[in-house]
Amino acid sequence: MPDQTSIARHLRITGRVQGVGYRDWAVGTARSLGLAGWVRNRTDGSVEALASGAPESVEAFIVACHDGPALARVTDIAVQDADAPVQQGFEFLPTL
């Protein structure tokens, strides 16, 4: 059960975010912040992520996602409140 001080946010990241190492970067960044959740490519060319953890860590992840890895060019991030993931850790999910 998630701790009461945890939050979860669903992100839909658009721009040049596929084929530039964005998912690998997101996993490394999320893990370094101690977040749980997942990241995956979408068939429309966007990247989708769910991040859960301490509010300051989730917010730091969202801020970092605006830049992403060096080759990425993020044009927008839609952020919504979400339910915390069931699993621990941060992982890749298949493209949807």
PDB file of N, CA and C in Angstrom:
ATOM      1  N   MET A   1       0.854  -1.191   0.000  1.00  0.00           N
ATOM      2  CA  MET A   1       0.000   0.000   0.000  1.00  0.00           C
ATOM      3  C   MET A   1       0.891   1.243   0.000  1.00  0.00           C
ATOM      4  N   PRO A   2       0.612   2.209  -0.905  1.00  0.00           N
ATOM      5  CA  PRO A   2       1.452   3.392  -0.960  1.00  0.00           C
ATOM      6  C   PRO A   2       1.333   4.213   0.315  1.00  0.00           C
ATOM      7  N   ASP A   3       2.407   4.849   0.663  1.00  0.00           N
ATOM      8  CA  ASP A   3       2.431   5.696   1.835  1.00  0.00           C
ATOM      9  C   ASP A   3       1.594   6.944   1.563  1.00  0.00           C
ATOM     10  N   GLN A   4       1.004   7.489   2.604  1.00  0.00           N
ATOM     11  CA  GLN A   4       0.059   8.596   2.429  1.00  0.00           C
ATOM     12  C   GLN A   4       0.721   9.863   1.910  1.00  0.00           C
ATOM     13  N   THR A   5       2.026   9.956   1.998  1.00  0.00           N
ATOM     14  CA  THR A   5       2.703  11.148   1.487  1.00  0.00           C
ATOM     15  C   THR A   5       3.126  10.975   0.033  1.00  0.00           C
ATOM     16  N   SER A   6       2.800   9.846  -0.574  1.00  0.00           N
ATOM     17  CA  SER A   6       3.142   9.610  -1.972  1.00  0.00           C
ATOM     18  C   SER A   6       2.071  10.194  -2.890  1.00  0.00           C
ATOM     19  N   ILE A   7       2.526  10.585  -4.072  1.00  0.00           N
ATOM     20  CA  ILE A   7       1.602  11.018  -5.115  1.00  0.00           C
ATOM     21  C   ILE A   7       1.927  10.235  -6.378  1.00  0.00           C
ATOM     22  N   ALA A   8       1.005  10.229  -7.316  1.00  0.00           N
ATOM     23  CA  ALA A   8       1.233   9.575  -8.612  1.00  0.00           C
ATOM     24  C   ALA A   8       0.743  10.506  -9.705  1.00  0.00           C
ATOM     25  N   ARG A   9       1.524  10.566 -10.794  1.00  0.00           N
ATOM     26  CA  ARG A   9       1.158  11.400 -11.931  1.00  0.00           C
ATOM     27  C   ARG A   9       1.339  10.616 -13.228  1.00  0.00           C
ATOM     28  N   HIS A  10       0.381  10.775 -14.118  1.00  0.00           N
ATOM     29  CA  HIS A  10       0.436  10.184 -15.457  1.00  0.00           C
ATOM     30  C   HIS A  10       0.913  11.276 -16.400  1.00  0.00           C
ATOM     31  N   LEU A  11       1.922  10.971 -17.225  1.00  0.00           N
ATOM     32  CA  LEU A  11       2.481  11.937 -18.160  1.00  0.00           C
ATOM     33  C   LEU A  11       2.314  11.440 -19.588  1.00  0.00           C
ATOM     34  N   ARG A  12       1.966  12.347 -20.475  1.00  0.00           N
ATOM     35  CA  ARG A  12       1.951  12.062 -21.913  1.00  0.00           C
ATOM     36  C   ARG A  12       2.894  13.089 -22.531  1.00  0.00           C
ATOM     37  N   ILE A  13       4.034  12.614 -23.023  1.00  0.00           N
ATOM     38  CA  ILE A  13       5.119  13.476 -23.481  1.00  0.00           C
ATOM     39  C   ILE A  13       5.151  13.449 -25.003  1.00  0.00           C
ATOM     40  N   THR A  14       5.088  14.627 -25.616  1.00  0.00           N
ATOM     41  CA  THR A  14       5.080  14.710 -27.071  1.00  0.00           C
ATOM     42  C   THR A  14       6.255  15.540 -27.572  1.00  0.00           C
ATOM     43  N   GLY A  15       6.551  15.345 -28.843  1.00  0.00           N
ATOM     44  CA  GLY A  15       7.680  16.007 -29.487  1.00  0.00           C
ATOM     45  C   GLY A  15       8.538  14.945 -30.143  1.00  0.00           C
ATOM     46  N   ARG A  16       9.836  15.201 -30.270  1.00  0.00           N
ATOM     47  CA  ARG A  16      10.742  14.170 -30.782  1.00  0.00           C
ATOM     48  C   ARG A  16      11.218  13.374 -29.571  1.00  0.00           C
ATOM     49  N   VAL A  17      10.454  12.348 -29.212  1.00  0.00           N
ATOM     50  CA  VAL A  17      10.718  11.596 -27.984  1.00  0.00           C
ATOM     51  C   VAL A  17      10.857  10.091 -28.209  1.00  0.00           C
ATOM     52  N   GLN A  18      10.727   9.645 -29.466  1.00  0.00           N
ATOM     53  CA  GLN A  18      10.976   8.232 -29.769  1.00  0.00           C
ATOM     54  C   GLN A  18      12.207   8.145 -30.651  1.00  0.00           C
ATOM     55  N   GLY A  19      13.008   7.093 -30.434  1.00  0.00           N
ATOM     56  CA  GLY A  19      14.220   6.898 -31.210  1.00  0.00           C
ATOM     57  C   GLY A  19      15.373   7.760 -30.741  1.00  0.00           C
ATOM     58  N   VAL A  20      15.241   8.356 -29.554  1.00  0.00           N
ATOM     59  CA  VAL A  20      16.288   9.234 -29.022  1.00  0.00           C
ATOM     60  C   VAL A  20      16.751   8.804 -27.623  1.00  0.00           C
ATOM     61  N   GLY A  21      16.338   7.601 -27.196  1.00  0.00           N
ATOM     62  CA  GLY A  21      16.744   7.100 -25.877  1.00  0.00           C
ATOM     63  C   GLY A  21      15.917   7.648 -24.727  1.00  0.00           C
ATOM     64  N   TYR A  22      14.738   8.178 -25.038  1.00  0.00           N
ATOM     65  CA  TYR A  22      13.916   8.798 -23.990  1.00  0.00           C
ATOM     66  C   TYR A  22      13.495   7.802 -22.903  1.00  0.00           C
ATOM     67  N   ARG A  23      13.062   6.618 -23.310  1.00  0.00           N
ATOM     68  CA  ARG A  23      12.601   5.647 -22.303  1.00  0.00           C
ATOM     69  C   ARG A  23      13.733   5.210 -21.391  1.00  0.00           C
ATOM     70  N   ASP A  24      14.908   4.925 -21.964  1.00  0.00           N
ATOM     71  CA  ASP A  24      16.054   4.548 -21.121  1.00  0.00           C
ATOM     72  C   ASP A  24      16.392   5.670 -20.152  1.00  0.00           C
ATOM     73  N   TRP A  25      16.399   6.885 -20.671  1.00  0.00           N
ATOM     74  CA  TRP A  25      16.689   8.047 -19.834  1.00  0.00           C
ATOM     75  C   TRP A  25      15.643   8.168 -18.721  1.00  0.00           C
ATOM     76  N   ALA A  26      14.365   7.992 -19.059  1.00  0.00           N
ATOM     77  CA  ALA A  26      13.284   8.119 -18.070  1.00  0.00           C
ATOM     78  C   ALA A  26      13.410   7.076 -16.969  1.00  0.00           C
ATOM     79  N   VAL A  27      13.729   5.842 -17.347  1.00  0.00           N
ATOM     80  CA  VAL A  27      13.901   4.790 -16.341  1.00  0.00           C
ATOM     81  C   VAL A  27      15.044   5.143 -15.396  1.00  0.00           C
ATOM     82  N   GLY A  28      16.178   5.543 -15.936  1.00  0.00           N
ATOM     83  CA  GLY A  28      17.319   5.902 -15.101  1.00  0.00           C
ATOM     84  C   GLY A  28      17.027   7.079 -14.188  1.00  0.00           C
ATOM     85  N   THR A  29      16.359   8.081 -14.739  1.00  0.00           N
ATOM     86  CA  THR A  29      16.019   9.269 -13.953  1.00  0.00           C
ATOM     87  C   THR A  29      15.036   8.914 -12.837  1.00  0.00           C
ATOM     88  N   ALA A  30      14.005   8.164 -13.172  1.00  0.00           N
ATOM     89  CA  ALA A  30      12.999   7.784 -12.178  1.00  0.00           C
ATOM     90  C   ALA A  30      13.618   6.930 -11.074  1.00  0.00           C
ATOM     91  N   ARG A  31      14.438   5.968 -11.461  1.00  0.00           N
ATOM     92  CA  ARG A  31      15.074   5.114 -10.450  1.00  0.00           C
ATOM     93  C   ARG A  31      15.989   5.926  -9.543  1.00  0.00           C
ATOM     94  N   SER A  32      16.710   6.897 -10.114  1.00  0.00           N
ATOM     95  CA  SER A  32      17.610   7.716  -9.293  1.00  0.00           C
ATOM     96  C   SER A  32      16.835   8.575  -8.297  1.00  0.00           C
ATOM     97  N   LEU A  33      15.574   8.860  -8.614  1.00  0.00           N
ATOM     98  CA  LEU A  33      14.715   9.632  -7.712  1.00  0.00           C
ATOM     99  C   LEU A  33      13.915   8.740  -6.759  1.00  0.00           C
ATOM    100  N   GLY A  34      14.071   7.428  -6.879  1.00  0.00           N
ATOM    101  CA  GLY A  34      13.360   6.498  -6.006  1.00  0.00           C
ATOM    102  C   GLY A  34      11.893   6.345  -6.332  1.00  0.00           C
ATOM    103  N   LEU A  35      11.524   6.547  -7.595  1.00  0.00           N
ATOM    104  CA  LEU A  35      10.126   6.470  -7.994  1.00  0.00           C
ATOM    105  C   LEU A  35       9.717   5.068  -8.427  1.00  0.00           C
ATOM    106  N   ALA A  36       8.438   4.789  -8.293  1.00  0.00           N
ATOM    107  CA  ALA A  36       7.837   3.576  -8.844  1.00  0.00           C
ATOM    108  C   ALA A  36       7.051   3.998 -10.073  1.00  0.00           C
ATOM    109  N   GLY A  37       6.833   3.040 -10.983  1.00  0.00           N
ATOM    110  CA  GLY A  37       6.016   3.339 -12.146  1.00  0.00           C
ATOM    111  C   GLY A  37       6.523   2.663 -13.394  1.00  0.00           C
ATOM    112  N   TRP A  38       6.243   3.289 -14.536  1.00  0.00           N
ATOM    113  CA  TRP A  38       6.588   2.690 -15.820  1.00  0.00           C
ATOM    114  C   TRP A  38       6.670   3.757 -16.903  1.00  0.00           C
ATOM    115  N   VAL A  39       7.232   3.353 -18.034  1.00  0.00           N
ATOM    116  CA  VAL A  39       7.311   4.210 -19.217  1.00  0.00           C
ATOM    117  C   VAL A  39       7.124   3.333 -20.447  1.00  0.00           C
ATOM    118  N   ARG A  40       6.475   3.881 -21.485  1.00  0.00           N
ATOM    119  CA  ARG A  40       6.311   3.141 -22.737  1.00  0.00           C
ATOM    120  C   ARG A  40       6.121   4.115 -23.895  1.00  0.00           C
ATOM    121  N   ASN A  41       6.443   3.617 -25.080  1.00  0.00           N
ATOM    122  CA  ASN A  41       6.141   4.353 -26.303  1.00  0.00           C
ATOM    123  C   ASN A  41       4.675   4.159 -26.637  1.00  0.00           C
ATOM    124  N   ARG A  42       4.105   5.150 -27.331  1.00  0.00           N
ATOM    125  CA  ARG A  42       2.751   5.048 -27.864  1.00  0.00           C
ATOM    126  C   ARG A  42       2.858   5.029 -29.382  1.00  0.00           C
ATOM    127  N   THR A  43       1.928   4.367 -30.030  1.00  0.00           N
ATOM    128  CA  THR A  43       1.990   4.262 -31.480  1.00  0.00           C
ATOM    129  C   THR A  43       1.816   5.617 -32.178  1.00  0.00           C
ATOM    130  N   ASP A  44       1.323   6.624 -31.470  1.00  0.00           N
ATOM    131  CA  ASP A  44       1.174   7.957 -32.066  1.00  0.00           C
ATOM    132  C   ASP A  44       2.464   8.777 -32.021  1.00  0.00           C
ATOM    133  N   GLY A  45       3.552   8.177 -31.516  1.00  0.00           N
ATOM    134  CA  GLY A  45       4.837   8.863 -31.457  1.00  0.00           C
ATOM    135  C   GLY A  45       5.141   9.518 -30.128  1.00  0.00           C
ATOM    136  N   SER A  46       4.205   9.481 -29.199  1.00  0.00           N
ATOM    137  CA  SER A  46       4.442  10.066 -27.876  1.00  0.00           C
ATOM    138  C   SER A  46       5.039   9.020 -26.939  1.00  0.00           C
ATOM    139  N   VAL A  47       5.422   9.471 -25.762  1.00  0.00           N
ATOM    140  CA  VAL A  47       5.874   8.591 -24.691  1.00  0.00           C
ATOM    141  C   VAL A  47       4.930   8.814 -23.522  1.00  0.00           C
ATOM    142  N   GLU A  48       4.559   7.724 -22.868  1.00  0.00           N
ATOM    143  CA  GLU A  48       3.644   7.764 -21.732  1.00  0.00           C
ATOM    144  C   GLU A  48       4.377   7.239 -20.507  1.00  0.00           C
ATOM    145  N   ALA A  49       4.146   7.878 -19.364  1.00  0.00           N
ATOM    146  CA  ALA A  49       4.807   7.435 -18.134  1.00  0.00           C
ATOM    147  C   ALA A  49       3.860   7.587 -16.949  1.00  0.00           C
ATOM    148  N   LEU A  50       4.082   6.758 -15.949  1.00  0.00           N
ATOM    149  CA  LEU A  50       3.407   6.861 -14.667  1.00  0.00           C
ATOM    150  C   LEU A  50       4.500   6.912 -13.616  1.00  0.00           C
ATOM    151  N   ALA A  51       4.490   7.948 -12.810  1.00  0.00           N
ATOM    152  CA  ALA A  51       5.519   8.115 -11.781  1.00  0.00           C
ATOM    153  C   ALA A  51       4.843   8.295 -10.427  1.00  0.00           C
ATOM    154  N   SER A  52       5.339   7.556  -9.433  1.00  0.00           N
ATOM    155  CA  SER A  52       4.750   7.601  -8.105  1.00  0.00           C
ATOM    156  C   SER A  52       5.853   7.631  -7.058  1.00  0.00           C
ATOM    157  N   GLY A  53       5.646   8.446  -6.043  1.00  0.00           N
ATOM    158  CA  GLY A  53       6.619   8.527  -4.958  1.00  0.00           C
ATOM    159  C   GLY A  53       6.430   9.807  -4.168  1.00  0.00           C
ATOM    160  N   ALA A  54       7.492  10.234  -3.517  1.00  0.00           N
ATOM    161  CA  ALA A  54       7.446  11.464  -2.730  1.00  0.00           C
ATOM    162  C   ALA A  54       7.118  12.636  -3.656  1.00  0.00           C
ATOM    163  N   PRO A  55       6.274  13.553  -3.209  1.00  0.00           N
ATOM    164  CA  PRO A  55       5.860  14.664  -4.073  1.00  0.00           C
ATOM    165  C   PRO A  55       7.031  15.424  -4.701  1.00  0.00           C
ATOM    166  N   GLU A  56       8.075  15.693  -3.942  1.00  0.00           N
ATOM    167  CA  GLU A  56       9.207  16.439  -4.498  1.00  0.00           C
ATOM    168  C   GLU A  56       9.954  15.634  -5.559  1.00  0.00           C
ATOM    169  N   SER A  57       9.988  14.317  -5.411  1.00  0.00           N
ATOM    170  CA  SER A  57      10.651  13.466  -6.407  1.00  0.00           C
ATOM    171  C   SER A  57       9.828  13.372  -7.686  1.00  0.00           C
ATOM    172  N   VAL A  58       8.519  13.246  -7.553  1.00  0.00           N
ATOM    173  CA  VAL A  58       7.648  13.200  -8.733  1.00  0.00           C
ATOM    174  C   VAL A  58       7.733  14.526  -9.480  1.00  0.00           C
ATOM    175  N   GLU A  59       7.706  15.631  -8.756  1.00  0.00           N
ATOM    176  CA  GLU A  59       7.801  16.941  -9.405  1.00  0.00           C
ATOM    177  C   GLU A  59       9.157  17.121 -10.087  1.00  0.00           C
ATOM    178  N   ALA A  60      10.233  16.635  -9.460  1.00  0.00           N
ATOM    179  CA  ALA A  60      11.567  16.717 -10.068  1.00  0.00           C
ATOM    180  C   ALA A  60      11.604  15.900 -11.362  1.00  0.00           C
ATOM    181  N   PHE A  61      10.948  14.747 -11.373  1.00  0.00           N
ATOM    182  CA  PHE A  61      10.875  13.918 -12.577  1.00  0.00           C
ATOM    183  C   PHE A  61      10.140  14.659 -13.692  1.00  0.00           C
ATOM    184  N   ILE A  62       9.006  15.272 -13.363  1.00  0.00           N
ATOM    185  CA  ILE A  62       8.233  16.005 -14.372  1.00  0.00           C
ATOM    186  C   ILE A  62       9.068  17.145 -14.956  1.00  0.00           C
ATOM    187  N   VAL A  63       9.744  17.885 -14.108  1.00  0.00           N
ATOM    188  CA  VAL A  63      10.595  18.983 -14.579  1.00  0.00           C
ATOM    189  C   VAL A  63      11.685  18.436 -15.504  1.00  0.00           C
ATOM    190  N   ALA A  64      12.328  17.348 -15.091  1.00  0.00           N
ATOM    191  CA  ALA A  64      13.397  16.757 -15.905  1.00  0.00           C
ATOM    192  C   ALA A  64      12.864  16.257 -17.241  1.00  0.00           C
ATOM    193  N   CYS A  65      11.625  15.750 -17.258  1.00  0.00           N
ATOM    194  CA  CYS A  65      11.034  15.230 -18.495  1.00  0.00           C
ATOM    195  C   CYS A  65      10.862  16.310 -19.552  1.00  0.00           C
ATOM    196  N   HIS A  66      10.793  17.558 -19.154  1.00  0.00           N
ATOM    197  CA  HIS A  66      10.682  18.648 -20.129  1.00  0.00           C
ATOM    198  C   HIS A  66      11.947  18.755 -20.983  1.00  0.00           C
ATOM    199  N   ASP A  67      13.081  18.324 -20.454  1.00  0.00           N
ATOM    200  CA  ASP A  67      14.339  18.319 -21.206  1.00  0.00           C
ATOM    201  C   ASP A  67      14.613  16.950 -21.808  1.00  0.00           C
ATOM    202  N   GLY A  68      14.519  15.901 -20.992  1.00  0.00           N
ATOM    203  CA  GLY A  68      14.798  14.547 -21.461  1.00  0.00           C
ATOM    204  C   GLY A  68      16.256  14.384 -21.851  1.00  0.00           C
ATOM    205  N   PRO A  69      16.566  13.339 -22.617  1.00  0.00           N
ATOM    206  CA  PRO A  69      17.944  13.115 -23.052  1.00  0.00           C
ATOM    207  C   PRO A  69      18.347  14.146 -24.117  1.00  0.00           C
ATOM    208  N   ALA A  70      19.635  14.199 -24.411  1.00  0.00           N
ATOM    209  CA  ALA A  70      20.189  15.235 -25.294  1.00  0.00           C
ATOM    210  C   ALA A  70      19.509  15.339 -26.657  1.00  0.00           C
ATOM    211  N   LEU A  71      19.141  14.216 -27.275  1.00  0.00           N
ATOM    212  CA  LEU A  71      18.572  14.253 -28.624  1.00  0.00           C
ATOM    213  C   LEU A  71      17.067  14.514 -28.657  1.00  0.00           C
ATOM    214  N   ALA A  72      16.417  14.494 -27.506  1.00  0.00           N
ATOM    215  CA  ALA A  72      14.967  14.702 -27.450  1.00  0.00           C
ATOM    216  C   ALA A  72      14.627  16.184 -27.616  1.00  0.00           C
ATOM    217  N   ARG A  73      13.448  16.426 -28.164  1.00  0.00           N
ATOM    218  CA  ARG A  73      12.891  17.779 -28.259  1.00  0.00           C
ATOM    219  C   ARG A  73      11.447  17.691 -27.797  1.00  0.00           C
ATOM    220  N   VAL A  74      11.218  17.972 -26.532  1.00  0.00           N
ATOM    221  CA  VAL A  74       9.885  17.869 -25.947  1.00  0.00           C
ATOM    222  C   VAL A  74       9.095  19.127 -26.295  1.00  0.00           C
ATOM    223  N   THR A  75       7.900  18.938 -26.839  1.00  0.00           N
ATOM    224  CA  THR A  75       7.044  20.083 -27.147  1.00  0.00           C
ATOM    225  C   THR A  75       5.932  20.267 -26.120  1.00  0.00           C
ATOM    226  N   ASP A  76       5.528  19.180 -25.441  1.00  0.00           N
ATOM    227  CA  ASP A  76       4.457  19.301 -24.455  1.00  0.00           C
ATOM    228  C   ASP A  76       4.458  18.089 -23.531  1.00  0.00           C
ATOM    229  N   ILE A  77       4.022  18.318 -22.311  1.00  0.00           N
ATOM    230  CA  ILE A  77       3.776  17.220 -21.371  1.00  0.00           C
ATOM    231  C   ILE A  77       2.412  17.464 -20.734  1.00  0.00           C
ATOM    232  N   ALA A  78       1.492  16.536 -20.950  1.00  0.00           N
ATOM    233  CA  ALA A  78       0.187  16.576 -20.296  1.00  0.00           C
ATOM    234  C   ALA A  78       0.312  15.759 -19.010  1.00  0.00           C
ATOM    235  N   VAL A  79      -0.008  16.372 -17.880  1.00  0.00           N
ATOM    236  CA  VAL A  79       0.139  15.724 -16.573  1.00  0.00           C
ATOM    237  C   VAL A  79      -1.226  15.612 -15.922  1.00  0.00           C
ATOM    238  N   GLN A  80      -1.524  14.413 -15.428  1.00  0.00           N
ATOM    239  CA  GLN A  80      -2.780  14.175 -14.718  1.00  0.00           C
ATOM    240  C   GLN A  80      -2.504  13.409 -13.435  1.00  0.00           C
ATOM    241  N   ASP A  81      -3.344  13.634 -12.430  1.00  0.00           N
ATOM    242  CA  ASP A  81      -3.276  12.810 -11.227  1.00  0.00           C
ATOM    243  C   ASP A  81      -3.576  11.375 -11.615  1.00  0.00           C
ATOM    244  N   ALA A  82      -3.002  10.433 -10.880  1.00  0.00           N
ATOM    245  CA  ALA A  82      -3.191   9.015 -11.195  1.00  0.00           C
ATOM    246  C   ALA A  82      -3.160   8.192  -9.921  1.00  0.00           C
ATOM    247  N   ASP A  83      -3.566   6.944 -10.050  1.00  0.00           N
ATOM    248  CA  ASP A  83      -3.436   5.988  -8.957  1.00  0.00           C
ATOM    249  C   ASP A  83      -2.022   5.433  -8.980  1.00  0.00           C
ATOM    250  N   ALA A  84      -1.489   5.156  -7.815  1.00  0.00           N
ATOM    251  CA  ALA A  84      -0.135   4.602  -7.717  1.00  0.00           C
ATOM    252  C   ALA A  84      -0.081   3.221  -8.362  1.00  0.00           C
ATOM    253  N   PRO A  85       1.047   2.883  -8.977  1.00  0.00           N
ATOM    254  CA  PRO A  85       1.191   1.545  -9.569  1.00  0.00           C
ATOM    255  C   PRO A  85       1.238   0.482  -8.479  1.00  0.00           C
ATOM    256  N   VAL A  86       0.905  -0.729  -8.849  1.00  0.00           N
ATOM    257  CA  VAL A  86       0.916  -1.841  -7.904  1.00  0.00           C
ATOM    258  C   VAL A  86       2.349  -2.306  -7.645  1.00  0.00           C
ATOM    259  N   GLN A  87       3.156  -2.329  -8.693  1.00  0.00           N
ATOM    260  CA  GLN A  87       4.522  -2.861  -8.574  1.00  0.00           C
ATOM    261  C   GLN A  87       5.471  -1.838  -7.948  1.00  0.00           C
ATOM    262  N   GLN A  88       6.539  -2.350  -7.412  1.00  0.00           N
ATOM    263  CA  GLN A  88       7.636  -1.530  -6.919  1.00  0.00           C
ATOM    264  C   GLN A  88       8.610  -1.314  -8.060  1.00  0.00           C
ATOM    265  N   GLY A  89       9.442  -0.301  -7.986  1.00  0.00           N
ATOM    266  CA  GLY A  89      10.439  -0.059  -9.007  1.00  0.00           C
ATOM    267  C   GLY A  89       9.844   0.635 -10.212  1.00  0.00           C
ATOM    268  N   PHE A  90      10.700   0.924 -11.178  1.00  0.00           N
ATOM    269  CA  PHE A  90      10.290   1.633 -12.395  1.00  0.00           C
ATOM    270  C   PHE A  90      10.712   0.784 -13.568  1.00  0.00           C
ATOM    271  N   GLU A  91       9.760   0.508 -14.485  1.00  0.00           N
ATOM    272  CA  GLU A  91      10.031  -0.447 -15.548  1.00  0.00           C
ATOM    273  C   GLU A  91       9.510   0.024 -16.895  1.00  0.00           C
ATOM    274  N   PHE A  92       9.933  -0.713 -17.947  1.00  0.00           N
ATOM    275  CA  PHE A  92       9.443  -0.499 -19.310  1.00  0.00           C
ATOM    276  C   PHE A  92       8.162  -1.309 -19.482  1.00  0.00           C
ATOM    277  N   LEU A  93       7.213  -0.749 -20.199  1.00  0.00           N
ATOM    278  CA  LEU A  93       6.037  -1.506 -20.635  1.00  0.00           C
ATOM    279  C   LEU A  93       6.075  -1.560 -22.159  1.00  0.00           C
ATOM    280  N   PRO A  94       5.410  -2.548 -22.752  1.00  0.00           N
ATOM    281  CA  PRO A  94       5.353  -2.628 -24.215  1.00  0.00           C
ATOM    282  C   PRO A  94       4.623  -1.428 -24.815  1.00  0.00           C
ATOM    283  N   THR A  95       4.956  -1.127 -26.054  1.00  0.00           N
ATOM    284  CA  THR A  95       4.295  -0.042 -26.787  1.00  0.00           C
ATOM    285  C   THR A  95       2.805  -0.316 -26.851  1.00  0.00           C
ATOM    286  N   LEU A  96       2.043   0.758 -26.734  1.00  0.00           N
ATOM    287  CA  LEU A  96       0.575   0.651 -26.778  1.00  0.00           C
ATOM    288  C   LEU A  96       0.041   1.565 -27.860  1.00  0.00           C
TER     289      LEU A  96
END
